[in-house]
Amino acid sequence: MARATDDLEMSQLLARRGAEMAAVFMIGDGILGLLHPRRHVALWQERALGAEALVAPFVDRPGRRRAYAVLQIAAGIALAARQRSR
């Protein structure tokens, strides 16, 4: 029984860490998109292992990328705020 509890606690810890890492990525990517939308989109426009489709709506639309960046940062902060150490 103790083993099952340990496994569950480890799974929960890994899930919290994964969520925290996703939040950090969202916040960082959002900040880059907010500050340098054209450069950030251009980096992922070609030969980016499938990311091209994700950035296509933002090509030549820095305002749209900035608006998305604000949402991305807010979502990352909200996700991080939900994580607890235990």
PDB file of N, CA and C in Angstrom:
ATOM      1  N   MET A   1       0.823  -1.198   0.000  1.00  0.00           N
ATOM      2  CA  MET A   1       0.000   0.000   0.000  1.00  0.00           C
ATOM      3  C   MET A   1       0.865   1.260   0.000  1.00  0.00           C
ATOM      4  N   ALA A   2       1.968   1.214   0.739  1.00  0.00           N
ATOM      5  CA  ALA A   2       2.852   2.388   0.789  1.00  0.00           C
ATOM      6  C   ALA A   2       3.444   2.666  -0.586  1.00  0.00           C
ATOM      7  N   ARG A   3       3.737   1.603  -1.316  1.00  0.00           N
ATOM      8  CA  ARG A   3       4.307   1.758  -2.669  1.00  0.00           C
ATOM      9  C   ARG A   3       3.325   2.488  -3.585  1.00  0.00           C
ATOM     10  N   ALA A   4       2.046   2.139  -3.514  1.00  0.00           N
ATOM     11  CA  ALA A   4       1.027   2.783  -4.342  1.00  0.00           C
ATOM     12  C   ALA A   4       0.900   4.260  -3.985  1.00  0.00           C
ATOM     13  N   THR A   5       0.972   4.562  -2.699  1.00  0.00           N
ATOM     14  CA  THR A   5       0.914   5.954  -2.252  1.00  0.00           C
ATOM     15  C   THR A   5       2.123   6.730  -2.743  1.00  0.00           C
ATOM     16  N   ASP A   6       3.296   6.122  -2.651  1.00  0.00           N
ATOM     17  CA  ASP A   6       4.524   6.765  -3.145  1.00  0.00           C
ATOM     18  C   ASP A   6       4.438   7.019  -4.651  1.00  0.00           C
ATOM     19  N   ASP A   7       3.929   6.032  -5.393  1.00  0.00           N
ATOM     20  CA  ASP A   7       3.788   6.180  -6.838  1.00  0.00           C
ATOM     21  C   ASP A   7       2.817   7.300  -7.185  1.00  0.00           C
ATOM     22  N   LEU A   8       1.715   7.369  -6.458  1.00  0.00           N
ATOM     23  CA  LEU A   8       0.726   8.420  -6.691  1.00  0.00           C
ATOM     24  C   LEU A   8       1.317   9.791  -6.394  1.00  0.00           C
ATOM     25  N   GLU A   9       2.024   9.904  -5.276  1.00  0.00           N
ATOM     26  CA  GLU A   9       2.657  11.180  -4.927  1.00  0.00           C
ATOM     27  C   GLU A   9       3.691  11.590  -5.971  1.00  0.00           C
ATOM     28  N   MET A  10       4.462  10.632  -6.476  1.00  0.00           N
ATOM     29  CA  MET A  10       5.463  10.936  -7.501  1.00  0.00           C
ATOM     30  C   MET A  10       4.779  11.389  -8.789  1.00  0.00           C
ATOM     31  N   SER A  11       3.706  10.720  -9.161  1.00  0.00           N
ATOM     32  CA  SER A  11       2.956  11.111 -10.367  1.00  0.00           C
ATOM     33  C   SER A  11       2.402  12.517 -10.233  1.00  0.00           C
ATOM     34  N   GLN A  12       1.881  12.830  -9.066  1.00  0.00           N
ATOM     35  CA  GLN A  12       1.338  14.172  -8.833  1.00  0.00           C
ATOM     36  C   GLN A  12       2.445  15.222  -8.873  1.00  0.00           C
ATOM     37  N   LEU A  13       3.587  14.897  -8.299  1.00  0.00           N
ATOM     38  CA  LEU A  13       4.715  15.817  -8.316  1.00  0.00           C
ATOM     39  C   LEU A  13       5.184  16.079  -9.748  1.00  0.00           C
ATOM     40  N   LEU A  14       5.300  15.022 -10.531  1.00  0.00           N
ATOM     41  CA  LEU A  14       5.719  15.173 -11.920  1.00  0.00           C
ATOM     42  C   LEU A  14       4.705  15.982 -12.726  1.00  0.00           C
ATOM     43  N   ALA A  15       3.431  15.790 -12.452  1.00  0.00           N
ATOM     44  CA  ALA A  15       2.391  16.560 -13.141  1.00  0.00           C
ATOM     45  C   ALA A  15       2.489  18.040 -12.782  1.00  0.00           C
ATOM     46  N   ARG A  16       2.718  18.334 -11.511  1.00  0.00           N
ATOM     47  CA  ARG A  16       2.863  19.742 -11.082  1.00  0.00           C
ATOM     48  C   ARG A  16       4.100  20.374 -11.716  1.00  0.00           C
ATOM     49  N   ARG A  17       5.184  19.631 -11.757  1.00  0.00           N
ATOM     50  CA  ARG A  17       6.407  20.148 -12.384  1.00  0.00           C
ATOM     51  C   ARG A  17       6.200  20.374 -13.875  1.00  0.00           C
ATOM     52  N   GLY A  18       5.519  19.463 -14.533  1.00  0.00           N
ATOM     53  CA  GLY A  18       5.227  19.624 -15.959  1.00  0.00           C
ATOM     54  C   GLY A  18       4.372  20.852 -16.215  1.00  0.00           C
ATOM     55  N   ALA A  19       3.368  21.060 -15.368  1.00  0.00           N
ATOM     56  CA  ALA A  19       2.508  22.237 -15.501  1.00  0.00           C
ATOM     57  C   ALA A  19       3.305  23.513 -15.263  1.00  0.00           C
ATOM     58  N   GLU A  20       4.201  23.483 -14.292  1.00  0.00           N
ATOM     59  CA  GLU A  20       5.041  24.654 -14.011  1.00  0.00           C
ATOM     60  C   GLU A  20       5.958  24.961 -15.196  1.00  0.00           C
ATOM     61  N   MET A  21       6.518  23.908 -15.795  1.00  0.00           N
ATOM     62  CA  MET A  21       7.380  24.111 -16.963  1.00  0.00           C
ATOM     63  C   MET A  21       6.577  24.683 -18.135  1.00  0.00           C
ATOM     64  N   ALA A  22       5.366  24.205 -18.325  1.00  0.00           N
ATOM     65  CA  ALA A  22       4.505  24.739 -19.385  1.00  0.00           C
ATOM     66  C   ALA A  22       4.198  26.212 -19.122  1.00  0.00           C
ATOM     67  N   ALA A  23       3.938  26.555 -17.866  1.00  0.00           N
ATOM     68  CA  ALA A  23       3.656  27.944 -17.511  1.00  0.00           C
ATOM     69  C   ALA A  23       4.862  28.841 -17.798  1.00  0.00           C
ATOM     70  N   VAL A  24       6.036  28.377 -17.445  1.00  0.00           N
ATOM     71  CA  VAL A  24       7.265  29.140 -17.706  1.00  0.00           C
ATOM     72  C   VAL A  24       7.439  29.351 -19.210  1.00  0.00           C
ATOM     73  N   PHE A  25       7.208  28.310 -19.990  1.00  0.00           N
ATOM     74  CA  PHE A  25       7.317  28.425 -21.443  1.00  0.00           C
ATOM     75  C   PHE A  25       6.307  29.429 -21.980  1.00  0.00           C
ATOM     76  N   MET A  26       5.064  29.348 -21.525  1.00  0.00           N
ATOM     77  CA  MET A  26       4.014  30.250 -22.000  1.00  0.00           C
ATOM     78  C   MET A  26       4.351  31.705 -21.674  1.00  0.00           C
ATOM     79  N   ILE A  27       4.809  31.946 -20.477  1.00  0.00           N
ATOM     80  CA  ILE A  27       5.143  33.311 -20.065  1.00  0.00           C
ATOM     81  C   ILE A  27       6.329  33.829 -20.876  1.00  0.00           C
ATOM     82  N   GLY A  28       7.373  33.035 -20.991  1.00  0.00           N
ATOM     83  CA  GLY A  28       8.555  33.462 -21.737  1.00  0.00           C
ATOM     84  C   GLY A  28       8.269  33.685 -23.205  1.00  0.00           C
ATOM     85  N   ASP A  29       7.554  32.756 -23.820  1.00  0.00           N
ATOM     86  CA  ASP A  29       7.199  32.906 -25.234  1.00  0.00           C
ATOM     87  C   ASP A  29       6.305  34.128 -25.422  1.00  0.00           C
ATOM     88  N   GLY A  30       5.399  34.345 -24.486  1.00  0.00           N
ATOM     89  CA  GLY A  30       4.524  35.514 -24.554  1.00  0.00           C
ATOM     90  C   GLY A  30       5.300  36.815 -24.466  1.00  0.00           C
ATOM     91  N   ILE A  31       6.275  36.875 -23.579  1.00  0.00           N
ATOM     92  CA  ILE A  31       7.078  38.086 -23.446  1.00  0.00           C
ATOM     93  C   ILE A  31       7.861  38.359 -24.723  1.00  0.00           C
ATOM     94  N   LEU A  32       8.462  37.326 -25.301  1.00  0.00           N
ATOM     95  CA  LEU A  32       9.190  37.515 -26.564  1.00  0.00           C
ATOM     96  C   LEU A  32       8.244  37.981 -27.666  1.00  0.00           C
ATOM     97  N   GLY A  33       7.077  37.388 -27.738  1.00  0.00           N
ATOM     98  CA  GLY A  33       6.094  37.783 -28.743  1.00  0.00           C
ATOM     99  C   GLY A  33       5.572  39.187 -28.536  1.00  0.00           C
ATOM    100  N   LEU A  34       5.502  39.610 -27.297  1.00  0.00           N
ATOM    101  CA  LEU A  34       5.037  40.960 -26.981  1.00  0.00           C
ATOM    102  C   LEU A  34       6.088  42.006 -27.340  1.00  0.00           C
ATOM    103  N   LEU A  35       7.326  41.735 -27.007  1.00  0.00           N
ATOM    104  CA  LEU A  35       8.398  42.711 -27.220  1.00  0.00           C
ATOM    105  C   LEU A  35       8.925  42.742 -28.651  1.00  0.00           C
ATOM    106  N   HIS A  36       8.990  41.582 -29.298  1.00  0.00           N
ATOM    107  CA  HIS A  36       9.570  41.480 -30.640  1.00  0.00           C
ATOM    108  C   HIS A  36       8.706  40.589 -31.532  1.00  0.00           C
ATOM    109  N   PRO A  37       7.480  41.002 -31.815  1.00  0.00           N
ATOM    110  CA  PRO A  37       6.568  40.098 -32.527  1.00  0.00           C
ATOM    111  C   PRO A  37       7.044  39.700 -33.924  1.00  0.00           C
ATOM    112  N   ARG A  38       7.574  40.616 -34.695  1.00  0.00           N
ATOM    113  CA  ARG A  38       7.999  40.278 -36.064  1.00  0.00           C
ATOM    114  C   ARG A  38       9.192  39.313 -36.052  1.00  0.00           C
ATOM    115  N   ARG A  39      10.183  39.599 -35.240  1.00  0.00           N
ATOM    116  CA  ARG A  39      11.361  38.742 -35.169  1.00  0.00           C
ATOM    117  C   ARG A  39      10.992  37.360 -34.653  1.00  0.00           C
ATOM    118  N   HIS A  40      10.149  37.322 -33.642  1.00  0.00           N
ATOM    119  CA  HIS A  40       9.774  36.054 -33.025  1.00  0.00           C
ATOM    120  C   HIS A  40       8.991  35.179 -34.012  1.00  0.00           C
ATOM    121  N   VAL A  41       8.071  35.765 -34.748  1.00  0.00           N
ATOM    122  CA  VAL A  41       7.303  35.011 -35.740  1.00  0.00           C
ATOM    123  C   VAL A  41       8.213  34.567 -36.888  1.00  0.00           C
ATOM    124  N   ALA A  42       9.080  35.467 -37.349  1.00  0.00           N
ATOM    125  CA  ALA A  42       9.972  35.137 -38.467  1.00  0.00           C
ATOM    126  C   ALA A  42      10.864  33.935 -38.151  1.00  0.00           C
ATOM    127  N   LEU A  43      11.248  33.808 -36.907  1.00  0.00           N
ATOM    128  CA  LEU A  43      12.101  32.698 -36.496  1.00  0.00           C
ATOM    129  C   LEU A  43      11.432  31.344 -36.734  1.00  0.00           C
ATOM    130  N   TRP A  44      10.105  31.309 -36.619  1.00  0.00           N
ATOM    131  CA  TRP A  44       9.363  30.057 -36.701  1.00  0.00           C
ATOM    132  C   TRP A  44       8.587  29.899 -38.008  1.00  0.00           C
ATOM    133  N   GLN A  45       8.816  30.789 -38.966  1.00  0.00           N
ATOM    134  CA  GLN A  45       8.056  30.788 -40.208  1.00  0.00           C
ATOM    135  C   GLN A  45       8.424  29.673 -41.172  1.00  0.00           C
ATOM    136  N   GLU A  46       9.666  29.276 -41.218  1.00  0.00           N
ATOM    137  CA  GLU A  46      10.117  28.289 -42.197  1.00  0.00           C
ATOM    138  C   GLU A  46      10.944  27.187 -41.523  1.00  0.00           C
ATOM    139  N   ARG A  47      10.769  25.977 -42.016  1.00  0.00           N
ATOM    140  CA  ARG A  47      11.535  24.823 -41.549  1.00  0.00           C
ATOM    141  C   ARG A  47      11.601  24.734 -40.026  1.00  0.00           C
ATOM    142  N   ALA A  48      10.442  24.782 -39.396  1.00  0.00           N
ATOM    143  CA  ALA A  48      10.378  24.795 -37.936  1.00  0.00           C
ATOM    144  C   ALA A  48       9.643  23.577 -37.378  1.00  0.00           C
ATOM    145  N   LEU A  49       9.775  22.460 -38.061  1.00  0.00           N
ATOM    146  CA  LEU A  49       9.229  21.183 -37.582  1.00  0.00           C
ATOM    147  C   LEU A  49       7.733  21.244 -37.262  1.00  0.00           C
ATOM    148  N   GLY A  50       6.982  21.902 -38.116  1.00  0.00           N
ATOM    149  CA  GLY A  50       5.538  21.967 -37.939  1.00  0.00           C
ATOM    150  C   GLY A  50       5.029  23.235 -37.281  1.00  0.00           C
ATOM    151  N   ALA A  51       5.900  24.023 -36.713  1.00  0.00           N
ATOM    152  CA  ALA A  51       5.469  25.260 -36.049  1.00  0.00           C
ATOM    153  C   ALA A  51       5.023  26.320 -37.047  1.00  0.00           C
ATOM    154  N   GLU A  52       5.333  26.120 -38.324  1.00  0.00           N
ATOM    155  CA  GLU A  52       4.964  27.097 -39.350  1.00  0.00           C
ATOM    156  C   GLU A  52       3.459  27.364 -39.344  1.00  0.00           C
ATOM    157  N   ALA A  53       2.679  26.321 -39.215  1.00  0.00           N
ATOM    158  CA  ALA A  53       1.221  26.468 -39.209  1.00  0.00           C
ATOM    159  C   ALA A  53       0.739  27.252 -37.988  1.00  0.00           C
ATOM    160  N   LEU A  54       1.453  27.102 -36.887  1.00  0.00           N
ATOM    161  CA  LEU A  54       1.056  27.808 -35.661  1.00  0.00           C
ATOM    162  C   LEU A  54       1.308  29.307 -35.745  1.00  0.00           C
ATOM    163  N   VAL A  55       2.360  29.710 -36.447  1.00  0.00           N
ATOM    164  CA  VAL A  55       2.678  31.141 -36.524  1.00  0.00           C
ATOM    165  C   VAL A  55       2.062  31.819 -37.742  1.00  0.00           C
ATOM    166  N   ALA A  56       1.514  31.042 -38.685  1.00  0.00           N
ATOM    167  CA  ALA A  56       0.946  31.619 -39.911  1.00  0.00           C
ATOM    168  C   ALA A  56      -0.067  32.740 -39.650  1.00  0.00           C
ATOM    169  N   PRO A  57      -0.953  32.630 -38.661  1.00  0.00           N
ATOM    170  CA  PRO A  57      -1.912  33.720 -38.434  1.00  0.00           C
ATOM    171  C   PRO A  57      -1.259  35.034 -37.980  1.00  0.00           C
ATOM    172  N   PHE A  58      -0.002  34.977 -37.584  1.00  0.00           N
ATOM    173  CA  PHE A  58       0.673  36.162 -37.049  1.00  0.00           C
ATOM    174  C   PHE A  58       1.658  36.807 -38.029  1.00  0.00           C
ATOM    175  N   VAL A  59       1.876  36.174 -39.177  1.00  0.00           N
ATOM    176  CA  VAL A  59       2.814  36.716 -40.171  1.00  0.00           C
ATOM    177  C   VAL A  59       2.295  38.074 -40.644  1.00  0.00           C
ATOM    178  N   ASP A  60       3.146  39.079 -40.566  1.00  0.00           N
ATOM    179  CA  ASP A  60       2.812  40.462 -40.952  1.00  0.00           C
ATOM    180  C   ASP A  60       1.651  41.046 -40.153  1.00  0.00           C
ATOM    181  N   ARG A  61       1.421  40.525 -38.967  1.00  0.00           N
ATOM    182  CA  ARG A  61       0.365  41.037 -38.080  1.00  0.00           C
ATOM    183  C   ARG A  61       0.903  41.160 -36.654  1.00  0.00           C
ATOM    184  N   PRO A  62       1.817  42.094 -36.414  1.00  0.00           N
ATOM    185  CA  PRO A  62       2.416  42.212 -35.087  1.00  0.00           C
ATOM    186  C   PRO A  62       1.395  42.540 -33.991  1.00  0.00           C
ATOM    187  N   GLY A  63       0.381  43.279 -34.322  1.00  0.00           N
ATOM    188  CA  GLY A  63      -0.649  43.584 -33.323  1.00  0.00           C
ATOM    189  C   GLY A  63      -1.388  42.347 -32.865  1.00  0.00           C
ATOM    190  N   ARG A  64      -1.665  41.475 -33.800  1.00  0.00           N
ATOM    191  CA  ARG A  64      -2.335  40.208 -33.468  1.00  0.00           C
ATOM    192  C   ARG A  64      -1.418  39.351 -32.590  1.00  0.00           C
ATOM    193  N   ARG A  65      -0.132  39.331 -32.915  1.00  0.00           N
ATOM    194  CA  ARG A  65       0.814  38.544 -32.113  1.00  0.00           C
ATOM    195  C   ARG A  65       0.934  39.118 -30.708  1.00  0.00           C
ATOM    196  N   ARG A  66       0.928  40.430 -30.599  1.00  0.00           N
ATOM    197  CA  ARG A  66       1.005  41.051 -29.267  1.00  0.00           C
ATOM    198  C   ARG A  66      -0.241  40.737 -28.443  1.00  0.00           C
ATOM    199  N   ALA A  67      -1.408  40.782 -29.068  1.00  0.00           N
ATOM    200  CA  ALA A  67      -2.645  40.458 -28.347  1.00  0.00           C
ATOM    201  C   ALA A  67      -2.607  39.008 -27.860  1.00  0.00           C
ATOM    202  N   TYR A  68      -2.144  38.116 -28.725  1.00  0.00           N
ATOM    203  CA  TYR A  68      -2.013  36.710 -28.325  1.00  0.00           C
ATOM    204  C   TYR A  68      -0.996  36.572 -27.193  1.00  0.00           C
ATOM    205  N   ALA A  69       0.068  37.358 -27.258  1.00  0.00           N
ATOM    206  CA  ALA A  69       1.102  37.304 -26.224  1.00  0.00           C
ATOM    207  C   ALA A  69       0.529  37.655 -24.855  1.00  0.00           C
ATOM    208  N   VAL A  70      -0.322  38.663 -24.808  1.00  0.00           N
ATOM    209  CA  VAL A  70      -0.937  39.057 -23.534  1.00  0.00           C
ATOM    210  C   VAL A  70      -1.773  37.901 -22.982  1.00  0.00           C
ATOM    211  N   LEU A  71      -2.543  37.248 -23.852  1.00  0.00           N
ATOM    212  CA  LEU A  71      -3.336  36.092 -23.414  1.00  0.00           C
ATOM    213  C   LEU A  71      -2.439  34.944 -22.955  1.00  0.00           C
ATOM    214  N   GLN A  72      -1.356  34.735 -23.676  1.00  0.00           N
ATOM    215  CA  GLN A  72      -0.416  33.666 -23.349  1.00  0.00           C
ATOM    216  C   GLN A  72       0.225  33.910 -21.982  1.00  0.00           C
ATOM    217  N   ILE A  73       0.631  35.136 -21.720  1.00  0.00           N
ATOM    218  CA  ILE A  73       1.241  35.471 -20.433  1.00  0.00           C
ATOM    219  C   ILE A  73       0.230  35.286 -19.305  1.00  0.00           C
ATOM    220  N   ALA A  74      -0.981  35.781 -19.514  1.00  0.00           N
ATOM    221  CA  ALA A  74      -2.020  35.645 -18.481  1.00  0.00           C
ATOM    222  C   ALA A  74      -2.330  34.175 -18.199  1.00  0.00           C
ATOM    223  N   ALA A  75      -2.434  33.370 -19.249  1.00  0.00           N
ATOM    224  CA  ALA A  75      -2.717  31.945 -19.062  1.00  0.00           C
ATOM    225  C   ALA A  75      -1.561  31.247 -18.346  1.00  0.00           C
ATOM    226  N   GLY A  76      -0.328  31.617 -18.673  1.00  0.00           N
ATOM    227  CA  GLY A  76       0.836  31.036 -18.005  1.00  0.00           C
ATOM    228  C   GLY A  76       0.880  31.382 -16.533  1.00  0.00           C
ATOM    229  N   ILE A  77       0.572  32.628 -16.217  1.00  0.00           N
ATOM    230  CA  ILE A  77       0.539  33.049 -14.810  1.00  0.00           C
ATOM    231  C   ILE A  77      -0.570  32.323 -14.062  1.00  0.00           C
ATOM    232  N   ALA A  78      -1.735  32.198 -14.695  1.00  0.00           N
ATOM    233  CA  ALA A  78      -2.856  31.492 -14.052  1.00  0.00           C
ATOM    234  C   ALA A  78      -2.502  30.023 -13.809  1.00  0.00           C
ATOM    235  N   LEU A  79      -1.866  29.389 -14.783  1.00  0.00           N
ATOM    236  CA  LEU A  79      -1.466  27.990 -14.619  1.00  0.00           C
ATOM    237  C   LEU A  79      -0.453  27.845 -13.492  1.00  0.00           C
ATOM    238  N   ALA A  80       0.535  28.719 -13.451  1.00  0.00           N
ATOM    239  CA  ALA A  80       1.551  28.659 -12.393  1.00  0.00           C
ATOM    240  C   ALA A  80       0.930  28.903 -11.017  1.00  0.00           C
ATOM    241  N   ALA A  81      -0.014  29.817 -10.953  1.00  0.00           N
ATOM    242  CA  ALA A  81      -0.650  30.148  -9.670  1.00  0.00           C
ATOM    243  C   ALA A  81      -1.436  28.964  -9.091  1.00  0.00           C
ATOM    244  N   ARG A  82      -1.874  28.072  -9.951  1.00  0.00           N
ATOM    245  CA  ARG A  82      -2.645  26.907  -9.501  1.00  0.00           C
ATOM    246  C   ARG A  82      -1.769  25.790  -8.919  1.00  0.00           C
ATOM    247  N   GLN A  83      -0.487  25.863  -9.140  1.00  0.00           N
ATOM    248  CA  GLN A  83       0.412  24.792  -8.694  1.00  0.00           C
ATOM    249  C   GLN A  83       0.750  24.979  -7.211  1.00  0.00           C
ATOM    250  N   ARG A  84       0.727  23.890  -6.504  1.00  0.00           N
ATOM    251  CA  ARG A  84       1.069  23.884  -5.079  1.00  0.00           C
ATOM    252  C   ARG A  84       2.219  22.917  -4.862  1.00  0.00           C
ATOM    253  N   SER A  85       3.038  23.169  -3.857  1.00  0.00           N
ATOM    254  CA  SER A  85       4.184  22.295  -3.600  1.00  0.00           C
ATOM    255  C   SER A  85       3.760  20.932  -3.061  1.00  0.00           C
ATOM    256  N   ARG A  86       2.617  20.833  -2.479  1.00  0.00           N
ATOM    257  CA  ARG A  86       2.094  19.550  -1.965  1.00  0.00           C
ATOM    258  C   ARG A  86       0.639  19.460  -2.193  1.00  0.00           C
TER     259      ARG A  86
END
